[in-house]
PDB file of N, CA and C in Angstrom:
ATOM      1  N   MET A   1      62.490-118.473 -66.231  1.00  0.00           N
ATOM      2  CA  MET A   1      62.498-119.028 -67.471  1.00  0.00           C
ATOM      3  C   MET A   1      63.895-119.680 -67.712  1.00  0.00           C
ATOM      4  N   ALA A   2      65.006-119.287 -67.299  1.00  0.00           N
ATOM      5  CA  ALA A   2      66.223-120.077 -67.633  1.00  0.00           C
ATOM      6  C   ALA A   2      66.196-121.362 -66.939  1.00  0.00           C
ATOM      7  N   ASN A   3      65.742-121.542 -65.818  1.00  0.00           N
ATOM      8  CA  ASN A   3      65.561-122.816 -65.079  1.00  0.00           C
ATOM      9  C   ASN A   3      64.510-123.588 -65.771  1.00  0.00           C
ATOM     10  N   GLU A   4      63.612-123.244 -66.465  1.00  0.00           N
ATOM     11  CA  GLU A   4      62.480-124.082 -67.149  1.00  0.00           C
ATOM     12  C   GLU A   4      63.163-124.617 -68.381  1.00  0.00           C
ATOM     13  N   GLU A   5      64.109-123.812 -69.088  1.00  0.00           N
ATOM     14  CA  GLU A   5      64.851-124.174 -70.110  1.00  0.00           C
ATOM     15  C   GLU A   5      66.122-125.006 -69.778  1.00  0.00           C
ATOM     16  N   GLY A   6      66.354-125.449 -68.524  1.00  0.00           N
ATOM     17  CA  GLY A   6      67.268-126.197 -68.175  1.00  0.00           C
ATOM     18  C   GLY A   6      68.657-125.483 -68.045  1.00  0.00           C
ATOM     19  N   LYS A   7      68.473-124.395 -67.523  1.00  0.00           N
ATOM     20  CA  LYS A   7      69.838-123.451 -67.667  1.00  0.00           C
ATOM     21  C   LYS A   7      69.804-122.602 -66.323  1.00  0.00           C
ATOM     22  N   THR A   8      71.134-122.336 -65.871  1.00  0.00           N
ATOM     23  CA  THR A   8      71.215-121.175 -64.805  1.00  0.00           C
ATOM     24  C   THR A   8      71.863-120.076 -65.460  1.00  0.00           C
ATOM     25  N   ILE A   9      71.669-119.049 -64.835  1.00  0.00           N
ATOM     26  CA  ILE A   9      72.278-117.818 -65.236  1.00  0.00           C
ATOM     27  C   ILE A   9      73.549-117.389 -64.187  1.00  0.00           C
ATOM     28  N   ASP A  10      74.724-117.029 -65.033  1.00  0.00           N
ATOM     29  CA  ASP A  10      75.976-116.589 -64.445  1.00  0.00           C
ATOM     30  C   ASP A  10      75.915-115.236 -64.407  1.00  0.00           C
ATOM     31  N   SER A  11      75.810-114.670 -65.592  1.00  0.00           N
ATOM     32  CA  SER A  11      75.813-113.229 -65.743  1.00  0.00           C
ATOM     33  C   SER A  11      75.051-112.902 -66.994  1.00  0.00           C
ATOM     34  N   ILE A  12      74.138-111.654 -67.040  1.00  0.00           N
ATOM     35  CA  ILE A  12      73.487-111.254 -68.124  1.00  0.00           C
ATOM     36  C   ILE A  12      73.580-109.829 -67.901  1.00  0.00           C
ATOM     37  N   ASN A  13      74.059-109.181 -68.771  1.00  0.00           N
ATOM     38  CA  ASN A  13      73.962-107.609 -68.757  1.00  0.00           C
ATOM     39  C   ASN A  13      73.214-107.016 -70.023  1.00  0.00           C
ATOM     40  N   TYR A  14      72.080-106.182 -69.654  1.00  0.00           N
ATOM     41  CA  TYR A  14      71.407-105.574 -70.600  1.00  0.00           C
ATOM     42  C   TYR A  14      72.107-104.261 -70.760  1.00  0.00           C
ATOM     43  N   VAL A  15      72.113-103.971 -72.158  1.00  0.00           N
ATOM     44  CA  VAL A  15      72.743-102.505 -72.452  1.00  0.00           C
ATOM     45  C   VAL A  15      71.806-101.806 -73.325  1.00  0.00           C
ATOM     46  N   PHE A  16      71.452-100.747 -72.815  1.00  0.00           N
ATOM     47  CA  PHE A  16      70.378 -99.990 -73.724  1.00  0.00           C
ATOM     48  C   PHE A  16      71.021 -98.869 -74.440  1.00  0.00           C
ATOM     49  N   VAL A  17      70.995 -98.933 -75.767  1.00  0.00           N
ATOM     50  CA  VAL A  17      71.715 -98.083 -76.600  1.00  0.00           C
ATOM     51  C   VAL A  17      70.747 -97.342 -77.572  1.00  0.00           C
ATOM     52  N   SER A  18      71.234 -96.412 -78.381  1.00  0.00           N
ATOM     53  CA  SER A  18      70.612 -95.743 -79.519  1.00  0.00           C
ATOM     54  C   SER A  18      70.601 -96.616 -80.758  1.00  0.00           C
ATOM     55  N   GLU A  19      69.611 -96.100 -81.643  1.00  0.00           N
ATOM     56  CA  GLU A  19      69.518 -96.897 -83.056  1.00  0.00           C
ATOM     57  C   GLU A  19      71.004 -96.783 -83.857  1.00  0.00           C
ATOM     58  N   GLU A  20      71.555 -95.905 -83.583  1.00  0.00           N
ATOM     59  CA  GLU A  20      73.008 -95.480 -84.435  1.00  0.00           C
ATOM     60  C   GLU A  20      74.001 -96.590 -83.751  1.00  0.00           C
ATOM     61  N   VAL A  21      74.053 -96.624 -82.548  1.00  0.00           N
ATOM     62  CA  VAL A  21      74.862 -97.713 -81.951  1.00  0.00           C
ATOM     63  C   VAL A  21      74.613 -99.003 -82.265  1.00  0.00           C
ATOM     64  N   ILE A  22      73.339 -99.269 -82.384  1.00  0.00           N
ATOM     65  CA  ILE A  22      72.971-100.942 -82.616  1.00  0.00           C
ATOM     66  C   ILE A  22      73.303-101.085 -84.022  1.00  0.00           C
ATOM     67  N   ILE A  23      73.217-100.065 -84.869  1.00  0.00           N
ATOM     68  CA  ILE A  23      73.540-100.167 -86.495  1.00  0.00           C
ATOM     69  C   ILE A  23      75.259-100.572 -86.542  1.00  0.00           C
ATOM     70  N   GLU A  24      75.901 -99.519 -85.729  1.00  0.00           N
ATOM     71  CA  GLU A  24      77.332 -99.796 -85.682  1.00  0.00           C
ATOM     72  C   GLU A  24      77.851-101.140 -85.297  1.00  0.00           C
ATOM     73  N   LEU A  25      76.975-101.752 -84.182  1.00  0.00           N
ATOM     74  CA  LEU A  25      77.266-103.210 -83.607  1.00  0.00           C
ATOM     75  C   LEU A  25      77.184-104.234 -84.799  1.00  0.00           C
ATOM     76  N   ASN A  26      75.897-103.974 -85.453  1.00  0.00           N
ATOM     77  CA  ASN A  26      75.496-104.914 -86.450  1.00  0.00           C
ATOM     78  C   ASN A  26      76.465-104.894 -87.550  1.00  0.00           C
ATOM     79  N   LYS A  27      76.983-103.684 -87.921  1.00  0.00           N
ATOM     80  CA  LYS A  27      78.088-103.666 -88.990  1.00  0.00           C
ATOM     81  C   LYS A  27      79.318-104.405 -88.603  1.00  0.00           C
ATOM     82  N   LYS A  28      79.739-104.201 -87.291  1.00  0.00           N
ATOM     83  CA  LYS A  28      81.125-104.586 -86.815  1.00  0.00           C
ATOM     84  C   LYS A  28      81.023-105.948 -86.706  1.00  0.00           C
ATOM     85  N   TYR A  29      79.841-106.635 -86.061  1.00  0.00           N
ATOM     86  CA  TYR A  29      80.131-108.057 -85.658  1.00  0.00           C
ATOM     87  C   TYR A  29      79.172-108.854 -86.329  1.00  0.00           C
ATOM     88  N   LEU A  30      78.200-108.405 -87.112  1.00  0.00           N
ATOM     89  CA  LEU A  30      77.268-109.233 -87.757  1.00  0.00           C
ATOM     90  C   LEU A  30      77.213-109.066 -89.610  1.00  0.00           C
ATOM     91  N   ASP A  31      78.007-108.028 -89.901  1.00  0.00           N
ATOM     92  CA  ASP A  31      78.087-107.607 -91.201  1.00  0.00           C
ATOM     93  C   ASP A  31      76.682-107.439 -91.981  1.00  0.00           C
ATOM     94  N   HIS A  32      75.859-106.596 -90.960  1.00  0.00           N
ATOM     95  CA  HIS A  32      74.524-106.014 -91.375  1.00  0.00           C
ATOM     96  C   HIS A  32      74.531-104.607 -91.090  1.00  0.00           C
ATOM     97  N   ASN A  33      73.894-104.038 -92.431  1.00  0.00           N
ATOM     98  CA  ASN A  33      73.859-102.582 -92.314  1.00  0.00           C
ATOM     99  C   ASN A  33      72.440-102.109 -92.000  1.00  0.00           C
ATOM    100  N   TYR A  34      71.989-102.410 -90.992  1.00  0.00           N
ATOM    101  CA  TYR A  34      70.506-102.007 -90.358  1.00  0.00           C
ATOM    102  C   TYR A  34      70.391-102.116 -89.026  1.00  0.00           C
ATOM    103  N   SER A  35      69.366-101.576 -88.749  1.00  0.00           N
ATOM    104  CA  SER A  35      68.838-101.430 -87.174  1.00  0.00           C
ATOM    105  C   SER A  35      68.056-102.835 -86.802  1.00  0.00           C
ATOM    106  N   THR A  36      68.434-103.168 -85.589  1.00  0.00           N
ATOM    107  CA  THR A  36      67.356-104.250 -85.044  1.00  0.00           C
ATOM    108  C   THR A  36      67.142-103.906 -83.534  1.00  0.00           C
ATOM    109  N   ASP A  37      66.230-104.549 -83.053  1.00  0.00           N
ATOM    110  CA  ASP A  37      65.911-104.258 -81.619  1.00  0.00           C
ATOM    111  C   ASP A  37      66.851-104.606 -80.616  1.00  0.00           C
ATOM    112  N   ILE A  38      67.408-105.764 -80.881  1.00  0.00           N
ATOM    113  CA  ILE A  38      68.360-106.573 -79.956  1.00  0.00           C
ATOM    114  C   ILE A  38      69.494-107.122 -80.624  1.00  0.00           C
ATOM    115  N   ILE A  39      70.748-107.312 -79.936  1.00  0.00           N
ATOM    116  CA  ILE A  39      71.932-108.101 -80.442  1.00  0.00           C
ATOM    117  C   ILE A  39      72.312-108.733 -79.221  1.00  0.00           C
ATOM    118  N   THR A  40      72.518-110.132 -79.334  1.00  0.00           N
ATOM    119  CA  THR A  40      72.751-110.786 -78.142  1.00  0.00           C
ATOM    120  C   THR A  40      74.220-111.369 -78.378  1.00  0.00           C
ATOM    121  N   PHE A  41      75.191-111.227 -77.539  1.00  0.00           N
ATOM    122  CA  PHE A  41      76.317-111.870 -77.519  1.00  0.00           C
ATOM    123  C   PHE A  41      76.597-112.878 -76.111  1.00  0.00           C
ATOM    124  N   ASP A  42      76.905-114.095 -76.838  1.00  0.00           N
ATOM    125  CA  ASP A  42      76.795-115.244 -76.049  1.00  0.00           C
ATOM    126  C   ASP A  42      78.111-115.403 -75.455  1.00  0.00           C
ATOM    127  N   ASN A  43      78.490-115.154 -74.155  1.00  0.00           N
ATOM    128  CA  ASN A  43      79.644-115.473 -73.460  1.00  0.00           C
ATOM    129  C   ASN A  43      79.812-116.689 -72.558  1.00  0.00           C
ATOM    130  N   SER A  44      78.823-117.542 -72.745  1.00  0.00           N
ATOM    131  CA  SER A  44      78.550-118.689 -71.952  1.00  0.00           C
ATOM    132  C   SER A  44      79.756-119.592 -72.223  1.00  0.00           C
ATOM    133  N   GLU A  45      80.179-120.122 -70.954  1.00  0.00           N
ATOM    134  CA  GLU A  45      81.443-121.413 -71.079  1.00  0.00           C
ATOM    135  C   GLU A  45      81.007-122.658 -71.208  1.00  0.00           C
ATOM    136  N   SER A  46      79.639-122.793 -70.917  1.00  0.00           N
ATOM    137  CA  SER A  46      78.879-124.245 -70.863  1.00  0.00           C
ATOM    138  C   SER A  46      77.395-123.853 -71.370  1.00  0.00           C
ATOM    139  N   VAL A  47      76.840-125.178 -72.050  1.00  0.00           N
ATOM    140  CA  VAL A  47      75.603-125.069 -72.575  1.00  0.00           C
ATOM    141  C   VAL A  47      74.345-124.883 -71.472  1.00  0.00           C
ATOM    142  N   THR A  48      74.868-125.007 -70.171  1.00  0.00           N
ATOM    143  CA  THR A  48      73.860-125.001 -69.190  1.00  0.00           C
ATOM    144  C   THR A  48      74.040-123.646 -68.261  1.00  0.00           C
ATOM    145  N   ARG A  49      75.141-123.125 -68.343  1.00  0.00           N
ATOM    146  CA  ARG A  49      75.247-122.109 -67.562  1.00  0.00           C
ATOM    147  C   ARG A  49      75.364-120.606 -68.477  1.00  0.00           C
ATOM    148  N   LEU A  50      74.399-119.851 -68.443  1.00  0.00           N
ATOM    149  CA  LEU A  50      74.355-118.533 -69.407  1.00  0.00           C
ATOM    150  C   LEU A  50      75.049-117.418 -68.894  1.00  0.00           C
ATOM    151  N   SER A  51      75.776-116.844 -69.740  1.00  0.00           N
ATOM    152  CA  SER A  51      76.549-115.577 -69.564  1.00  0.00           C
ATOM    153  C   SER A  51      76.563-114.930 -70.826  1.00  0.00           C
ATOM    154  N   GLY A  52      75.967-113.571 -70.847  1.00  0.00           N
ATOM    155  CA  GLY A  52      75.960-112.803 -72.229  1.00  0.00           C
ATOM    156  C   GLY A  52      75.681-111.401 -71.931  1.00  0.00           C
ATOM    157  N   GLU A  53      75.832-110.545 -72.927  1.00  0.00           N
ATOM    158  CA  GLU A  53      75.335-109.251 -73.155  1.00  0.00           C
ATOM    159  C   GLU A  53      74.386-109.105 -74.202  1.00  0.00           C
ATOM    160  N   MET A  54      73.295-108.211 -73.853  1.00  0.00           N
ATOM    161  CA  MET A  54      72.300-107.959 -74.793  1.00  0.00           C
ATOM    162  C   MET A  54      72.297-106.560 -74.934  1.00  0.00           C
ATOM    163  N   TYR A  55      72.523-106.055 -76.232  1.00  0.00           N
ATOM    164  CA  TYR A  55      72.345-104.632 -76.573  1.00  0.00           C
ATOM    165  C   TYR A  55      71.078-104.375 -77.148  1.00  0.00           C
ATOM    166  N   ILE A  56      70.181-103.366 -76.503  1.00  0.00           N
ATOM    167  CA  ILE A  56      68.884-103.295 -76.880  1.00  0.00           C
ATOM    168  C   ILE A  56      68.680-101.808 -77.459  1.00  0.00           C
ATOM    169  N   SER A  57      68.333-101.629 -78.578  1.00  0.00           N
ATOM    170  CA  SER A  57      67.826-100.396 -79.326  1.00  0.00           C
ATOM    171  C   SER A  57      66.789 -99.747 -78.801  1.00  0.00           C
ATOM    172  N   VAL A  58      66.770 -98.928 -77.927  1.00  0.00           N
ATOM    173  CA  VAL A  58      65.341 -98.182 -77.185  1.00  0.00           C
ATOM    174  C   VAL A  58      64.610 -97.667 -78.302  1.00  0.00           C
ATOM    175  N   ASP A  59      65.275 -97.013 -79.463  1.00  0.00           N
ATOM    176  CA  ASP A  59      64.740 -96.303 -80.315  1.00  0.00           C
ATOM    177  C   ASP A  59      64.050 -97.287 -81.244  1.00  0.00           C
ATOM    178  N   THR A  60      64.410 -98.595 -81.463  1.00  0.00           N
ATOM    179  CA  THR A  60      63.802 -99.577 -82.430  1.00  0.00           C
ATOM    180  C   THR A  60      62.572-100.019 -81.630  1.00  0.00           C
ATOM    181  N   VAL A  61      63.105-100.352 -80.333  1.00  0.00           N
ATOM    182  CA  VAL A  61      61.816-100.847 -79.452  1.00  0.00           C
ATOM    183  C   VAL A  61      60.693-100.023 -79.544  1.00  0.00           C
ATOM    184  N   VAL A  62      60.784 -98.772 -79.351  1.00  0.00           N
ATOM    185  CA  VAL A  62      59.698 -97.774 -79.526  1.00  0.00           C
ATOM    186  C   VAL A  62      59.032 -97.799 -80.740  1.00  0.00           C
ATOM    187  N   LYS A  63      59.897 -97.825 -81.865  1.00  0.00           N
ATOM    188  CA  LYS A  63      59.263 -98.042 -83.251  1.00  0.00           C
ATOM    189  C   LYS A  63      58.442 -99.387 -83.450  1.00  0.00           C
ATOM    190  N   ASN A  64      58.910-100.291 -82.814  1.00  0.00           N
ATOM    191  CA  ASN A  64      58.133-101.517 -83.037  1.00  0.00           C
ATOM    192  C   ASN A  64      56.983-101.479 -82.177  1.00  0.00           C
ATOM    193  N   ALA A  65      57.041-101.076 -81.028  1.00  0.00           N
ATOM    194  CA  ALA A  65      55.669-100.975 -79.981  1.00  0.00           C
ATOM    195  C   ALA A  65      54.683-100.148 -80.941  1.00  0.00           C
ATOM    196  N   ASN A  66      55.063 -99.048 -81.479  1.00  0.00           N
ATOM    197  CA  ASN A  66      54.054 -98.201 -82.134  1.00  0.00           C
ATOM    198  C   ASN A  66      53.489 -98.997 -83.408  1.00  0.00           C
ATOM    199  N   TYR A  67      54.513 -99.571 -84.306  1.00  0.00           N
ATOM    200  CA  TYR A  67      54.070-100.357 -85.416  1.00  0.00           C
ATOM    201  C   TYR A  67      53.074-101.568 -85.024  1.00  0.00           C
ATOM    202  N   TYR A  68      53.512-102.256 -84.059  1.00  0.00           N
ATOM    203  CA  TYR A  68      52.610-103.301 -83.808  1.00  0.00           C
ATOM    204  C   TYR A  68      51.270-102.992 -82.653  1.00  0.00           C
ATOM    205  N   LYS A  69      51.237-101.499 -82.677  1.00  0.00           N
ATOM    206  CA  LYS A  69      50.312-101.162 -81.462  1.00  0.00           C
ATOM    207  C   LYS A  69      50.232-101.850 -80.097  1.00  0.00           C
ATOM    208  N   GLU A  70      51.500-101.844 -79.552  1.00  0.00           N
ATOM    209  CA  GLU A  70      51.763-102.437 -78.339  1.00  0.00           C
ATOM    210  C   GLU A  70      52.239-101.612 -77.343  1.00  0.00           C
ATOM    211  N   ASP A  71      52.142-102.038 -76.272  1.00  0.00           N
ATOM    212  CA  ASP A  71      52.743-101.162 -75.055  1.00  0.00           C
ATOM    213  C   ASP A  71      54.207-101.247 -75.098  1.00  0.00           C
ATOM    214  N   PHE A  72      55.033 -99.946 -74.739  1.00  0.00           N
ATOM    215  CA  PHE A  72      56.399-100.086 -74.834  1.00  0.00           C
ATOM    216  C   PHE A  72      56.941-101.190 -73.616  1.00  0.00           C
ATOM    217  N   ASP A  73      56.308-101.216 -72.500  1.00  0.00           N
ATOM    218  CA  ASP A  73      56.951-101.901 -71.632  1.00  0.00           C
ATOM    219  C   ASP A  73      56.593-103.400 -72.113  1.00  0.00           C
ATOM    220  N   LYS A  74      55.821-103.803 -72.705  1.00  0.00           N
ATOM    221  CA  LYS A  74      55.278-105.212 -73.056  1.00  0.00           C
ATOM    222  C   LYS A  74      56.327-105.645 -74.320  1.00  0.00           C
ATOM    223  N   GLU A  75      56.619-104.698 -75.174  1.00  0.00           N
ATOM    224  CA  GLU A  75      57.594-104.857 -76.285  1.00  0.00           C
ATOM    225  C   GLU A  75      58.936-104.925 -75.688  1.00  0.00           C
ATOM    226  N   LEU A  76      59.290-104.216 -74.836  1.00  0.00           N
ATOM    227  CA  LEU A  76      60.629-104.333 -74.319  1.00  0.00           C
ATOM    228  C   LEU A  76      60.763-105.631 -73.550  1.00  0.00           C
ATOM    229  N   LYS A  77      59.829-106.233 -72.887  1.00  0.00           N
ATOM    230  CA  LYS A  77      59.832-107.468 -72.191  1.00  0.00           C
ATOM    231  C   LYS A  77      60.138-108.455 -73.262  1.00  0.00           C
ATOM    232  N   ARG A  78      59.294-108.385 -74.290  1.00  0.00           N
ATOM    233  CA  ARG A  78      59.453-109.410 -75.384  1.00  0.00           C
ATOM    234  C   ARG A  78      60.779-109.284 -76.148  1.00  0.00           C
ATOM    235  N   VAL A  79      61.522-108.243 -76.122  1.00  0.00           N
ATOM    236  CA  VAL A  79      62.895-108.221 -76.701  1.00  0.00           C
ATOM    237  C   VAL A  79      63.856-108.853 -75.573  1.00  0.00           C
ATOM    238  N   MET A  80      63.755-108.597 -74.301  1.00  0.00           N
ATOM    239  CA  MET A  80      64.573-109.087 -73.338  1.00  0.00           C
ATOM    240  C   MET A  80      64.356-110.460 -73.165  1.00  0.00           C
ATOM    241  N   VAL A  81      63.013-111.140 -73.390  1.00  0.00           N
ATOM    242  CA  VAL A  81      62.830-112.595 -73.288  1.00  0.00           C
ATOM    243  C   VAL A  81      63.607-113.161 -74.434  1.00  0.00           C
ATOM    244  N   HIS A  82      63.554-112.472 -75.634  1.00  0.00           N
ATOM    245  CA  HIS A  82      63.917-113.071 -76.848  1.00  0.00           C
ATOM    246  C   HIS A  82      65.455-113.302 -76.725  1.00  0.00           C
ATOM    247  N   GLY A  83      66.023-112.153 -76.277  1.00  0.00           N
ATOM    248  CA  GLY A  83      67.656-112.279 -76.127  1.00  0.00           C
ATOM    249  C   GLY A  83      68.136-113.367 -75.279  1.00  0.00           C
ATOM    250  N   LEU A  84      67.235-113.637 -74.077  1.00  0.00           N
ATOM    251  CA  LEU A  84      67.543-114.872 -73.262  1.00  0.00           C
ATOM    252  C   LEU A  84      67.292-116.161 -74.167  1.00  0.00           C
ATOM    253  N   LEU A  85      66.097-116.113 -74.814  1.00  0.00           N
ATOM    254  CA  LEU A  85      66.034-117.372 -75.662  1.00  0.00           C
ATOM    255  C   LEU A  85      67.142-117.550 -76.383  1.00  0.00           C
ATOM    256  N   HIS A  86      67.807-116.551 -77.098  1.00  0.00           N
ATOM    257  CA  HIS A  86      69.005-116.891 -77.768  1.00  0.00           C
ATOM    258  C   HIS A  86      70.169-117.486 -77.188  1.00  0.00           C
ATOM    259  N   LEU A  87      70.199-116.973 -75.795  1.00  0.00           N
ATOM    260  CA  LEU A  87      71.389-117.588 -75.008  1.00  0.00           C
ATOM    261  C   LEU A  87      71.116-118.966 -74.404  1.00  0.00           C
ATOM    262  N   CYS A  88      69.749-119.336 -74.566  1.00  0.00           N
ATOM    263  CA  CYS A  88      69.254-120.713 -74.181  1.00  0.00           C
ATOM    264  C   CYS A  88      69.473-121.618 -75.539  1.00  0.00           C
ATOM    265  N   GLY A  89      69.721-120.967 -76.615  1.00  0.00           N
ATOM    266  CA  GLY A  89      70.209-121.804 -78.013  1.00  0.00           C
ATOM    267  C   GLY A  89      69.031-121.733 -79.088  1.00  0.00           C
ATOM    268  N   TYR A  90      68.144-120.775 -78.758  1.00  0.00           N
ATOM    269  CA  TYR A  90      67.028-120.741 -79.872  1.00  0.00           C
ATOM    270  C   TYR A  90      67.502-119.814 -81.041  1.00  0.00           C
ATOM    271  N   THR A  91      67.126-120.008 -82.270  1.00  0.00           N
ATOM    272  CA  THR A  91      67.624-119.144 -83.293  1.00  0.00           C
ATOM    273  C   THR A  91      66.440-118.395 -83.946  1.00  0.00           C
ATOM    274  N   ASP A  92      66.646-117.601 -84.847  1.00  0.00           N
ATOM    275  CA  ASP A  92      65.610-116.893 -85.657  1.00  0.00           C
ATOM    276  C   ASP A  92      66.102-116.727 -86.952  1.00  0.00           C
ATOM    277  N   LYS A  93      66.819-117.819 -87.679  1.00  0.00           N
ATOM    278  CA  LYS A  93      67.347-117.709 -88.788  1.00  0.00           C
ATOM    279  C   LYS A  93      66.486-118.083 -90.122  1.00  0.00           C
ATOM    280  N   THR A  94      65.350-118.768 -89.741  1.00  0.00           N
ATOM    281  CA  THR A  94      64.623-119.250 -90.713  1.00  0.00           C
ATOM    282  C   THR A  94      63.067-118.914 -90.264  1.00  0.00           C
ATOM    283  N   LYS A  95      62.180-118.768 -91.131  1.00  0.00           N
ATOM    284  CA  LYS A  95      60.789-118.896 -90.940  1.00  0.00           C
ATOM    285  C   LYS A  95      60.329-119.552 -89.732  1.00  0.00           C
ATOM    286  N   LYS A  96      60.544-120.853 -89.871  1.00  0.00           N
ATOM    287  CA  LYS A  96      60.198-121.777 -88.970  1.00  0.00           C
ATOM    288  C   LYS A  96      60.939-121.474 -87.489  1.00  0.00           C
ATOM    289  N   ASP A  97      62.163-121.222 -87.408  1.00  0.00           N
ATOM    290  CA  ASP A  97      62.873-120.692 -86.213  1.00  0.00           C
ATOM    291  C   ASP A  97      62.104-119.623 -85.635  1.00  0.00           C
ATOM    292  N   ILE A  98      61.739-118.595 -86.657  1.00  0.00           N
ATOM    293  CA  ILE A  98      60.872-117.488 -86.019  1.00  0.00           C
ATOM    294  C   ILE A  98      59.530-117.687 -85.505  1.00  0.00           C
ATOM    295  N   GLU A  99      58.879-118.543 -86.089  1.00  0.00           N
ATOM    296  CA  GLU A  99      57.592-118.856 -85.616  1.00  0.00           C
ATOM    297  C   GLU A  99      57.711-119.883 -84.005  1.00  0.00           C
ATOM    298  N   LYS A 100      58.706-120.534 -84.095  1.00  0.00           N
ATOM    299  CA  LYS A 100      59.003-121.406 -82.616  1.00  0.00           C
ATOM    300  C   LYS A 100      59.546-120.342 -81.606  1.00  0.00           C
ATOM    301  N   ILE A 101      60.409-119.518 -81.908  1.00  0.00           N
ATOM    302  CA  ILE A 101      60.620-118.389 -80.951  1.00  0.00           C
ATOM    303  C   ILE A 101      59.475-117.695 -80.331  1.00  0.00           C
ATOM    304  N   ARG A 102      58.814-117.295 -81.305  1.00  0.00           N
ATOM    305  CA  ARG A 102      57.740-116.215 -80.985  1.00  0.00           C
ATOM    306  C   ARG A 102      56.891-117.100 -80.037  1.00  0.00           C
ATOM    307  N   LYS A 103      56.561-118.341 -80.433  1.00  0.00           N
ATOM    308  CA  LYS A 103      55.611-119.068 -79.661  1.00  0.00           C
ATOM    309  C   LYS A 103      56.098-119.236 -78.209  1.00  0.00           C
ATOM    310  N   ILE A 104      57.314-119.298 -78.076  1.00  0.00           N
ATOM    311  CA  ILE A 104      58.067-119.539 -76.853  1.00  0.00           C
ATOM    312  C   ILE A 104      57.919-118.323 -75.957  1.00  0.00           C
ATOM    313  N   GLU A 105      58.330-117.022 -76.793  1.00  0.00           N
ATOM    314  CA  GLU A 105      58.221-115.888 -76.229  1.00  0.00           C
ATOM    315  C   GLU A 105      56.724-115.538 -75.669  1.00  0.00           C
ATOM    316  N   ASP A 106      55.823-115.807 -76.500  1.00  0.00           N
ATOM    317  CA  ASP A 106      54.487-115.662 -75.964  1.00  0.00           C
ATOM    318  C   ASP A 106      54.273-116.361 -74.689  1.00  0.00           C
ATOM    319  N   LYS A 107      54.583-117.595 -74.583  1.00  0.00           N
ATOM    320  CA  LYS A 107      54.496-118.573 -73.328  1.00  0.00           C
ATOM    321  C   LYS A 107      54.931-117.761 -72.043  1.00  0.00           C
ATOM    322  N   TYR A 108      56.263-117.447 -72.244  1.00  0.00           N
ATOM    323  CA  TYR A 108      56.824-116.660 -71.107  1.00  0.00           C
ATOM    324  C   TYR A 108      56.401-115.350 -70.738  1.00  0.00           C
ATOM    325  N   LEU A 109      55.984-114.665 -71.759  1.00  0.00           N
ATOM    326  CA  LEU A 109      55.213-113.447 -71.466  1.00  0.00           C
ATOM    327  C   LEU A 109      54.041-113.544 -70.903  1.00  0.00           C
ATOM    328  N   LYS A 110      53.141-114.380 -71.254  1.00  0.00           N
ATOM    329  CA  LYS A 110      51.763-114.569 -70.730  1.00  0.00           C
ATOM    330  C   LYS A 110      51.953-115.204 -69.312  1.00  0.00           C
ATOM    331  N   ARG A 111      53.093-115.924 -68.919  1.00  0.00           N
ATOM    332  CA  ARG A 111      53.311-116.436 -67.525  1.00  0.00           C
ATOM    333  C   ARG A 111      53.816-115.090 -66.673  1.00  0.00           C
ATOM    334  N   TYR A 112      54.578-114.377 -67.335  1.00  0.00           N
ATOM    335  CA  TYR A 112      54.900-113.131 -66.578  1.00  0.00           C
ATOM    336  C   TYR A 112      53.627-112.442 -66.145  1.00  0.00           C
ATOM    337  N   ASP A 113      52.852-112.039 -67.191  1.00  0.00           N
ATOM    338  CA  ASP A 113      51.629-111.238 -67.071  1.00  0.00           C
ATOM    339  C   ASP A 113      50.770-111.597 -65.971  1.00  0.00           C
ATOM    340  N   THR A 114      50.671-113.079 -65.836  1.00  0.00           N
ATOM    341  CA  THR A 114      49.761-113.820 -64.787  1.00  0.00           C
ATOM    342  C   THR A 114      50.617-113.499 -63.608  1.00  0.00           C
ATOM    343  N   ILE A 115      51.721-113.589 -63.386  1.00  0.00           N
ATOM    344  CA  ILE A 115      52.510-113.493 -62.251  1.00  0.00           C
ATOM    345  C   ILE A 115      52.487-112.136 -61.672  1.00  0.00           C
ATOM    346  N   ALA A 116      52.469-111.044 -62.626  1.00  0.00           N
ATOM    347  CA  ALA A 116      52.417-109.547 -62.551  1.00  0.00           C
ATOM    348  C   ALA A 116      51.086-109.271 -61.722  1.00  0.00           C
ATOM    349  N   GLU A 117      49.978-109.928 -62.192  1.00  0.00           N
ATOM    350  CA  GLU A 117      48.643-109.672 -61.570  1.00  0.00           C
ATOM    351  C   GLU A 117      48.594-110.145 -60.098  1.00  0.00           C
ATOM    352  N   ILE A 118      49.356-110.962 -59.551  1.00  0.00           N
ATOM    353  CA  ILE A 118      49.134-111.595 -58.227  1.00  0.00           C
ATOM    354  C   ILE A 118      49.703-110.626 -57.430  1.00  0.00           C
TER     355      ILE A 118
END
């Protein structure tokens, strides 16, 4: 995925945390007082070499999987792809941004599902 986006990966750490921890991270770094499924910290030193930390609230992923009637594994993959897309420069600040990033997530998830079947 990174290669297709014109990037290489130096270092990516996925850190799985509780909903309480993600709320505290949201408060401390983003001035938000709510839960989210992922927070991505971009530590890249160049636009083409990716480095970052992604904090994933497993509790929130479970809730979202149930809400969207989705398999937990697929929802977790979506969140992980979403974080990587943030490192690639995609945002989700506006409705248009969200539509774009969702479309790209779907593309990569579909490709992963096809590869996983082989």
